[in-house]
Amino acid sequence: MSQTQTGPATEWRMMSTGSGEMRVYEGRAEENIDAAVIVLQEAFGVNDHIESVTRRIASMGILPLLPTSLTAAVPVCSNTTSTSRQCH
C-alpha cells in the first residue's frame, strides 16, 4: 500500500521591489512561521532541484523565498575602460 505524501504549499508569485517586479517561488508550511530564508538559484536559473530544496525548507517551518533573478534588485555594471563604468 502506498501513501500519498503531502508537503508544504508552494506558489509562484510576483513581488514588488524598488526596481520593478520580481518573480518569486514561495513555500508555506502548515504551521506558524518564525523564520525566513532566501534561497539562491543555480548558476543557470531555477530548476526542479532548487524548487525541491525550497519545499524542504518550508516543511521545517521556515518561510523560503526563491527569487528567479537577483538582477531586478541589483544594477548590472561593466567597466568600459579603466576610468569609466556603465550600469543598467
Protein backbone atom coordinates (compact mmCIF):
# COMPACT_ATOMS: atom_id res chain seq x y z
CA MET A 1 0.00 0.00 0.00
CA SER A 2 1.46 3.37 -0.98
CA GLN A 3 0.77 6.55 0.89
CA THR A 4 0.44 9.94 -0.70
CA GLN A 5 2.75 12.39 0.99
CA THR A 6 1.62 15.96 1.20
CA GLY A 7 4.13 18.72 1.51
CA PRO A 8 4.00 22.41 2.14
CA ALA A 9 2.06 24.62 -0.23
CA THR A 10 4.19 26.41 -2.80
CA GLU A 11 3.38 29.01 -5.39
CA TRP A 12 4.95 31.36 -7.90
CA ARG A 13 4.03 34.99 -7.32
CA MET A 14 5.18 38.48 -8.25
CA MET A 15 6.89 40.60 -5.62
CA SER A 16 7.36 44.35 -5.89
CA THR A 17 10.91 45.64 -5.48
CA GLY A 18 12.47 49.07 -5.72
CA SER A 19 13.45 48.29 -9.31
CA GLY A 20 10.28 46.60 -10.50
CA GLU A 21 8.51 43.28 -10.29
CA MET A 22 10.38 40.05 -9.44
CA ARG A 23 9.02 36.51 -9.84
CA VAL A 24 9.41 34.55 -6.57
CA TYR A 25 8.78 30.88 -5.69
CA GLU A 26 7.40 30.81 -2.16
CA GLY A 27 6.87 27.88 0.18
CA ARG A 28 4.36 27.87 3.01
CA ALA A 29 4.43 25.48 5.96
CA GLU A 30 1.23 24.32 7.65
CA GLU A 31 2.33 25.79 10.98
CA ASN A 32 3.26 29.24 12.26
CA ILE A 33 6.40 30.62 10.65
CA ASP A 34 9.11 32.10 12.89
CA ALA A 35 11.93 32.48 10.37
CA ALA A 36 12.55 33.15 6.68
CA VAL A 37 15.38 32.37 4.29
CA ILE A 38 16.22 33.47 0.76
CA VAL A 39 17.13 30.50 -1.44
CA LEU A 40 19.57 31.31 -4.25
CA GLN A 41 19.07 29.88 -7.71
CA GLU A 42 21.52 27.65 -9.52
CA ALA A 43 24.02 29.26 -11.91
CA PHE A 44 21.64 28.66 -14.83
CA GLY A 45 18.44 29.66 -13.05
CA VAL A 46 15.71 27.96 -11.06
CA ASN A 47 15.36 24.23 -11.66
CA ASP A 48 13.44 21.28 -10.13
CA HIS A 49 16.17 20.60 -7.57
CA ILE A 50 16.16 24.16 -6.19
CA GLU A 51 12.35 24.13 -6.08
CA SER A 52 12.60 20.87 -4.09
CA VAL A 53 15.08 22.48 -1.66
CA THR A 54 12.60 25.33 -1.21
CA ARG A 55 9.79 22.87 -0.40
CA ARG A 56 12.01 21.02 2.13
CA ILE A 57 12.84 24.28 3.89
CA ALA A 58 9.12 25.11 4.09
CA SER A 59 8.44 21.67 5.61
CA MET A 60 10.76 22.66 8.51
CA GLY A 61 8.51 25.60 9.38
CA ILE A 62 10.69 28.22 7.70
CA LEU A 63 9.38 30.62 5.04
CA PRO A 64 11.61 30.19 1.95
CA LEU A 65 11.65 32.74 -0.86
CA LEU A 66 13.32 31.81 -4.14
CA PRO A 67 13.68 34.81 -6.47
CA THR A 68 14.15 33.88 -10.12
CA SER A 69 16.79 36.53 -10.60
CA LEU A 70 18.67 38.98 -8.44
CA THR A 71 19.12 41.39 -11.34
CA ALA A 72 15.87 43.22 -10.60
CA ALA A 73 17.31 44.43 -7.30
CA VAL A 74 20.97 44.92 -8.25
CA PRO A 75 22.24 47.05 -11.14
CA VAL A 76 24.45 45.30 -13.67
CA CYS A 77 27.72 47.21 -14.15
CA SER A 78 30.61 46.74 -16.52
CA ASN A 79 33.89 48.54 -16.92
CA THR A 80 34.09 50.00 -20.39
CA THR A 81 37.54 51.50 -19.88
CA SER A 82 39.92 51.75 -16.97
CA THR A 83 38.30 55.06 -15.95
CA SER A 84 34.61 54.62 -16.79
CA ARG A 85 31.85 52.29 -15.69
CA GLN A 86 28.35 51.75 -17.09
CA CYS A 87 25.43 50.46 -15.09
CA HIS A 88 21.95 49.49 -16.28
